[in-house]
Protein backbone atom coordinates (compact mmCIF):
# COMPACT_ATOMS: atom_id res chain seq x y z
CA UNK A 1 181.13 47.67 24.63
CA UNK A 2 181.93 51.24 23.62
CA UNK A 3 185.23 52.95 22.79
CA UNK A 4 185.72 54.34 26.31
CA UNK A 5 185.16 50.97 27.99
CA UNK A 6 187.39 49.24 25.48
CA UNK A 7 190.18 51.79 26.07
CA UNK A 8 189.96 51.14 29.83
CA UNK A 9 190.09 47.37 29.23
CA UNK A 10 193.12 47.77 26.95
CA UNK A 11 194.97 49.88 29.54
CA UNK A 12 194.04 47.57 32.43
CA UNK A 13 195.26 44.45 30.66
CA UNK A 14 198.58 45.98 29.62
CA UNK A 15 199.19 47.39 33.12
CA UNK A 16 199.55 43.81 34.41
CA UNK A 17 201.23 42.27 31.37
CA UNK A 18 204.56 40.51 31.33
CA UNK A 19 206.88 41.52 28.48
CA UNK A 20 205.35 40.68 25.11
CA UNK A 21 206.84 37.92 23.00
CA UNK A 22 205.91 38.14 19.32
CA UNK A 23 207.71 37.94 16.00
CA UNK A 24 206.48 41.36 14.85
CA UNK A 25 208.32 43.55 17.34
CA UNK A 26 205.31 44.92 19.21
CA UNK A 27 206.45 45.62 22.78
CA UNK A 28 204.96 47.30 25.83
CA UNK A 29 207.32 50.20 25.13
CA UNK A 30 206.28 50.82 21.51
CA UNK A 31 202.55 50.06 21.75
CA UNK A 32 201.66 53.79 21.80
CA UNK A 33 203.07 54.05 18.24
CA UNK A 34 200.64 51.35 17.04
CA UNK A 35 197.58 51.98 19.16
CA UNK A 36 194.34 53.30 17.66
CA UNK A 37 192.87 55.90 20.04
CA UNK A 38 189.97 55.93 20.23
CA UNK A 39 189.32 52.38 19.01
CA UNK A 40 187.48 52.31 15.67
CA UNK A 41 184.44 50.10 15.03
CA UNK A 42 184.98 48.57 11.58
CA UNK A 43 183.24 46.13 9.25
CA UNK A 44 185.30 43.01 8.35
CA UNK A 45 185.06 40.09 5.97
CA UNK A 46 185.22 36.97 8.19
CA UNK A 47 187.73 34.29 7.19
CA UNK A 48 186.60 32.12 10.12
CA UNK A 49 185.14 29.27 8.11
CA UNK A 50 181.73 28.18 6.81
CA UNK A 51 180.06 27.92 10.23
CA UNK A 52 180.78 31.60 11.01
CA UNK A 53 178.99 34.66 9.62
CA UNK A 54 180.56 35.97 6.38
CA UNK A 55 181.09 39.44 7.89
CA UNK A 56 181.48 40.90 11.38
CA UNK A 57 181.89 44.25 13.09
CA UNK A 58 184.83 44.60 15.49
CA UNK A 59 186.87 47.35 17.11
CA UNK A 60 190.38 48.06 15.77
CA UNK A 61 192.63 48.76 18.79
CA UNK A 62 196.11 48.42 17.26
CA UNK A 63 197.67 48.70 13.80
CA UNK A 64 201.03 46.95 13.32
CA UNK A 65 201.91 49.23 10.37
CA UNK A 66 199.94 52.45 10.84
CA UNK A 67 201.66 54.15 7.88
CA UNK A 68 200.54 51.45 5.41
CA UNK A 69 197.11 50.79 3.92
CA UNK A 70 198.05 47.24 2.97
CA UNK A 71 200.76 45.85 5.28
CA UNK A 72 200.57 44.54 8.83
CA UNK A 73 198.15 42.99 11.24
CA UNK A 74 195.28 44.74 12.95
CA UNK A 75 194.51 43.78 16.53
CA UNK A 76 190.75 43.89 17.03
CA UNK A 77 188.18 43.33 19.75
CA UNK A 78 185.16 41.23 18.79
CA UNK A 79 182.24 42.44 20.92
CA UNK A 80 180.20 39.29 20.25
CA UNK A 81 182.79 36.85 21.62
CA UNK A 82 184.30 39.48 23.96
CA UNK A 83 187.78 38.42 22.81
CA UNK A 84 190.67 40.02 20.98
CA UNK A 85 191.79 38.75 17.60
CA UNK A 86 193.74 39.49 14.46
CA UNK A 87 192.79 40.86 11.06
CA UNK A 88 194.68 41.82 7.93
CA UNK A 89 194.26 44.89 5.78
CA UNK A 90 192.54 44.25 2.48
CA UNK A 91 190.70 46.21 -0.18
CA UNK A 92 187.80 46.95 -0.05
CA UNK A 93 187.42 45.81 3.59
CA UNK A 94 189.85 44.18 6.06
CA UNK A 95 189.66 40.44 6.72
CA UNK A 96 189.11 39.11 10.24
CA UNK A 97 191.29 36.03 10.83
CA UNK A 98 190.05 34.92 14.22
CA UNK A 99 190.01 35.38 17.99
CA UNK A 100 192.97 34.53 20.18
CA UNK A 101 191.65 35.39 23.65
CA UNK A 102 193.02 38.20 25.77
CA UNK A 103 194.84 41.24 24.41
CA UNK A 104 198.21 39.85 25.55
CA UNK A 105 197.49 36.40 24.08
CA UNK A 106 196.59 38.05 20.78
CA UNK A 107 199.68 40.26 20.72
CA UNK A 108 201.86 37.24 21.47
CA UNK A 109 200.16 35.28 18.65
CA UNK A 110 201.32 37.81 16.04
């Protein structure tokens, strides 16, 4: 998957989404303020447990707190599983928490 295809997938999924229901205040109306355009392929430490690879590459599509280098969730797309998931900002590299399924399922899991 490339950035253009991922952007189309993101738009397509949100076009048919019911209102979002998450504790972090991300809504269909304010998503443009949090969206990463174009998506950015990034290297992550993987917190997924001993049976998973220690590091992965995934696309960042949304940043809960775009004005902070340390606060907020990142919504990512894992090209290997073809699912969306969550990560947290960390120094020196962000930490991938895990996959949650579709974009809407992931946003609602925040």
